[in-house]
């Protein structure tokens, strides 16, 4: 679907955002669980690692959202 109105673009971006965040969430949860269970890290280090995981997650999601929306608009395939 190539949006022709801002509302259509908004809907496309919103739907893509939900899909991407849901798709990448299991990886984030796995990283967080591994960090929480890492006995070689202090609690402060664990929190720092989890913060880095969260920042990476948001960055990855943002990149994928942009790629997917642009691919849809431009008619690009894999």
N, C-alpha and C. Protein backbone atom coordinates (compact mmCIF):
# COMPACT_ATOMS: atom_id res chain seq x y z
N UNK A 1 0.84 -1.19 0.00
CA UNK A 1 0.00 0.00 0.00
C UNK A 1 0.88 1.25 0.00
N UNK A 2 0.70 2.07 -0.98
CA UNK A 2 1.41 3.33 -1.03
C UNK A 2 0.47 4.41 -0.50
N UNK A 3 0.82 4.99 0.64
CA UNK A 3 -0.06 6.00 1.22
C UNK A 3 -0.08 7.27 0.35
N UNK A 4 -1.26 7.87 0.27
CA UNK A 4 -1.38 9.13 -0.47
C UNK A 4 -1.79 10.27 0.45
N UNK A 5 -2.08 9.92 1.70
CA UNK A 5 -2.43 10.93 2.70
C UNK A 5 -1.61 10.68 3.96
N UNK A 6 -1.42 11.75 4.73
CA UNK A 6 -0.66 11.62 5.97
C UNK A 6 -1.27 10.59 6.91
N UNK A 7 -2.58 10.53 6.97
CA UNK A 7 -3.24 9.57 7.85
C UNK A 7 -2.92 8.14 7.43
N UNK A 8 -2.88 7.88 6.14
CA UNK A 8 -2.52 6.55 5.65
C UNK A 8 -1.07 6.21 6.00
N UNK A 9 -0.19 7.19 5.87
CA UNK A 9 1.21 7.00 6.24
C UNK A 9 1.33 6.73 7.74
N UNK A 10 0.59 7.49 8.52
CA UNK A 10 0.59 7.30 9.97
C UNK A 10 0.15 5.88 10.33
N UNK A 11 -0.90 5.41 9.65
CA UNK A 11 -1.40 4.06 9.91
C UNK A 11 -0.36 3.01 9.53
N UNK A 12 0.29 3.18 8.39
CA UNK A 12 1.32 2.26 7.94
C UNK A 12 2.48 2.22 8.93
N UNK A 13 2.93 3.38 9.36
CA UNK A 13 4.04 3.45 10.31
C UNK A 13 3.64 2.81 11.65
N UNK A 14 2.44 3.09 12.12
CA UNK A 14 1.97 2.54 13.39
C UNK A 14 1.88 1.02 13.33
N UNK A 15 1.29 0.49 12.27
CA UNK A 15 1.17 -0.97 12.12
C UNK A 15 2.55 -1.62 12.03
N UNK A 16 3.43 -1.02 11.28
CA UNK A 16 4.79 -1.55 11.14
C UNK A 16 5.53 -1.50 12.47
N UNK A 17 5.34 -0.43 13.22
CA UNK A 17 5.99 -0.28 14.51
C UNK A 17 5.57 -1.40 15.46
N UNK A 18 4.29 -1.67 15.54
CA UNK A 18 3.79 -2.73 16.42
C UNK A 18 4.38 -4.07 16.00
N UNK A 19 4.38 -4.36 14.70
CA UNK A 19 4.91 -5.63 14.20
C UNK A 19 6.39 -5.79 14.54
N UNK A 20 7.17 -4.76 14.31
CA UNK A 20 8.62 -4.84 14.53
C UNK A 20 8.93 -4.99 16.02
N UNK A 21 8.29 -4.20 16.85
CA UNK A 21 8.55 -4.31 18.29
C UNK A 21 8.17 -5.69 18.81
N UNK A 22 7.05 -6.23 18.34
CA UNK A 22 6.64 -7.58 18.76
C UNK A 22 7.62 -8.63 18.26
N UNK A 23 8.12 -8.43 17.05
CA UNK A 23 9.05 -9.39 16.46
C UNK A 23 10.39 -9.42 17.20
N UNK A 24 10.88 -8.27 17.62
CA UNK A 24 12.20 -8.19 18.24
C UNK A 24 12.18 -8.33 19.77
N UNK A 25 11.01 -8.28 20.37
CA UNK A 25 10.91 -8.35 21.84
C UNK A 25 11.50 -9.64 22.42
N UNK A 26 11.27 -10.81 21.83
CA UNK A 26 11.85 -12.03 22.43
C UNK A 26 13.37 -11.98 22.55
N UNK A 27 14.04 -11.38 21.58
CA UNK A 27 15.49 -11.25 21.64
C UNK A 27 15.91 -10.36 22.81
N UNK A 28 15.18 -9.27 23.01
CA UNK A 28 15.48 -8.38 24.12
C UNK A 28 15.29 -9.09 25.45
N UNK A 29 14.20 -9.81 25.58
CA UNK A 29 13.92 -10.53 26.83
C UNK A 29 15.03 -11.54 27.12
N UNK A 30 15.48 -12.23 26.08
CA UNK A 30 16.56 -13.21 26.26
C UNK A 30 17.83 -12.51 26.75
N UNK A 31 18.19 -11.39 26.14
CA UNK A 31 19.39 -10.65 26.56
C UNK A 31 19.27 -10.17 28.01
N UNK A 32 18.10 -9.67 28.37
CA UNK A 32 17.90 -9.19 29.74
C UNK A 32 18.01 -10.35 30.73
N UNK A 33 17.40 -11.47 30.40
CA UNK A 33 17.47 -12.63 31.30
C UNK A 33 18.89 -13.14 31.45
N UNK A 34 19.63 -13.19 30.36
CA UNK A 34 21.03 -13.61 30.43
C UNK A 34 21.84 -12.65 31.31
N UNK A 35 21.57 -11.37 31.18
CA UNK A 35 22.29 -10.38 31.97
C UNK A 35 21.94 -10.52 33.45
N UNK A 36 20.66 -10.67 33.75
CA UNK A 36 20.22 -10.82 35.14
C UNK A 36 20.84 -12.05 35.80
N UNK A 37 21.07 -13.10 35.03
CA UNK A 37 21.60 -14.34 35.57
C UNK A 37 23.13 -14.44 35.50
N UNK A 38 23.77 -13.39 35.06
CA UNK A 38 25.23 -13.39 34.96
C UNK A 38 25.82 -13.08 36.33
N UNK A 39 26.32 -14.12 36.98
CA UNK A 39 26.87 -13.97 38.33
C UNK A 39 28.17 -13.20 38.41
N UNK A 40 28.81 -12.97 37.27
CA UNK A 40 30.08 -12.25 37.30
C UNK A 40 29.91 -10.73 37.28
N UNK A 41 28.67 -10.27 37.15
CA UNK A 41 28.40 -8.83 37.12
C UNK A 41 27.80 -8.36 38.44
N UNK A 42 28.15 -7.15 38.83
CA UNK A 42 27.51 -6.55 40.00
C UNK A 42 26.11 -6.08 39.58
N UNK A 43 25.29 -5.73 40.55
CA UNK A 43 23.95 -5.24 40.23
C UNK A 43 24.01 -3.97 39.38
N UNK A 44 24.96 -3.10 39.68
CA UNK A 44 25.11 -1.87 38.90
C UNK A 44 25.51 -2.19 37.46
N UNK A 45 26.41 -3.15 37.30
CA UNK A 45 26.83 -3.54 35.95
C UNK A 45 25.66 -4.18 35.20
N UNK A 46 24.87 -4.97 35.88
CA UNK A 46 23.70 -5.58 35.25
C UNK A 46 22.74 -4.50 34.75
N UNK A 47 22.51 -3.49 35.59
CA UNK A 47 21.61 -2.40 35.17
C UNK A 47 22.18 -1.65 33.98
N UNK A 48 23.50 -1.42 33.98
CA UNK A 48 24.13 -0.76 32.84
C UNK A 48 23.97 -1.59 31.57
N UNK A 49 24.20 -2.89 31.67
CA UNK A 49 24.05 -3.78 30.52
C UNK A 49 22.61 -3.79 30.01
N UNK A 50 21.67 -3.85 30.93
CA UNK A 50 20.26 -3.84 30.53
C UNK A 50 19.90 -2.54 29.83
N UNK A 51 20.43 -1.43 30.32
CA UNK A 51 20.20 -0.14 29.66
C UNK A 51 20.75 -0.15 28.23
N UNK A 52 21.93 -0.73 28.05
CA UNK A 52 22.52 -0.83 26.71
C UNK A 52 21.67 -1.73 25.81
N UNK A 53 21.17 -2.82 26.37
CA UNK A 53 20.29 -3.70 25.60
C UNK A 53 19.05 -2.94 25.14
N UNK A 54 18.48 -2.15 26.04
CA UNK A 54 17.26 -1.39 25.71
C UNK A 54 17.54 -0.36 24.61
N UNK A 55 18.67 0.34 24.72
CA UNK A 55 19.00 1.32 23.70
C UNK A 55 19.21 0.65 22.34
N UNK A 56 19.88 -0.50 22.34
CA UNK A 56 20.10 -1.24 21.11
C UNK A 56 18.79 -1.73 20.51
N UNK A 57 17.88 -2.15 21.38
CA UNK A 57 16.56 -2.62 20.95
C UNK A 57 15.79 -1.50 20.26
N UNK A 58 15.76 -0.34 20.86
CA UNK A 58 15.05 0.79 20.28
C UNK A 58 15.68 1.18 18.94
N UNK A 59 17.00 1.20 18.89
CA UNK A 59 17.70 1.54 17.65
C UNK A 59 17.38 0.52 16.56
N UNK A 60 17.46 -0.76 16.90
CA UNK A 60 17.16 -1.80 15.93
C UNK A 60 15.73 -1.71 15.42
N UNK A 61 14.81 -1.49 16.34
CA UNK A 61 13.40 -1.36 15.95
C UNK A 61 13.21 -0.16 15.03
N UNK A 62 13.81 0.95 15.37
CA UNK A 62 13.67 2.17 14.57
C UNK A 62 14.20 1.94 13.16
N UNK A 63 15.38 1.33 13.06
CA UNK A 63 15.95 1.06 11.74
C UNK A 63 15.03 0.16 10.92
N UNK A 64 14.53 -0.90 11.53
CA UNK A 64 13.67 -1.84 10.81
C UNK A 64 12.35 -1.19 10.39
N UNK A 65 11.81 -0.33 11.23
CA UNK A 65 10.57 0.38 10.90
C UNK A 65 10.79 1.24 9.66
N UNK A 66 11.88 1.99 9.65
CA UNK A 66 12.18 2.86 8.51
C UNK A 66 12.35 2.04 7.24
N UNK A 67 13.12 0.95 7.35
CA UNK A 67 13.36 0.10 6.18
C UNK A 67 12.06 -0.50 5.66
N UNK A 68 11.25 -1.04 6.55
CA UNK A 68 10.00 -1.68 6.13
C UNK A 68 9.02 -0.69 5.50
N UNK A 69 8.88 0.48 6.10
CA UNK A 69 7.94 1.48 5.56
C UNK A 69 8.43 1.98 4.21
N UNK A 70 9.71 2.28 4.10
CA UNK A 70 10.23 2.74 2.82
C UNK A 70 10.13 1.65 1.75
N UNK A 71 10.40 0.41 2.12
CA UNK A 71 10.28 -0.69 1.16
C UNK A 71 8.85 -0.82 0.67
N UNK A 72 7.90 -0.66 1.57
CA UNK A 72 6.49 -0.74 1.19
C UNK A 72 6.13 0.39 0.22
N UNK A 73 6.56 1.59 0.54
CA UNK A 73 6.23 2.74 -0.29
C UNK A 73 6.92 2.66 -1.66
N UNK A 74 8.16 2.21 -1.67
CA UNK A 74 8.93 2.16 -2.91
C UNK A 74 8.74 0.87 -3.69
N UNK A 75 7.99 -0.08 -3.11
CA UNK A 75 7.74 -1.33 -3.79
C UNK A 75 8.96 -2.24 -3.88
N UNK A 76 9.84 -2.15 -2.89
CA UNK A 76 11.04 -2.97 -2.89
C UNK A 76 10.75 -4.37 -2.37
N UNK A 77 11.49 -5.34 -2.86
CA UNK A 77 11.33 -6.71 -2.36
C UNK A 77 12.63 -7.15 -1.70
N UNK A 78 12.58 -8.32 -1.08
CA UNK A 78 13.75 -8.84 -0.36
C UNK A 78 14.92 -9.02 -1.28
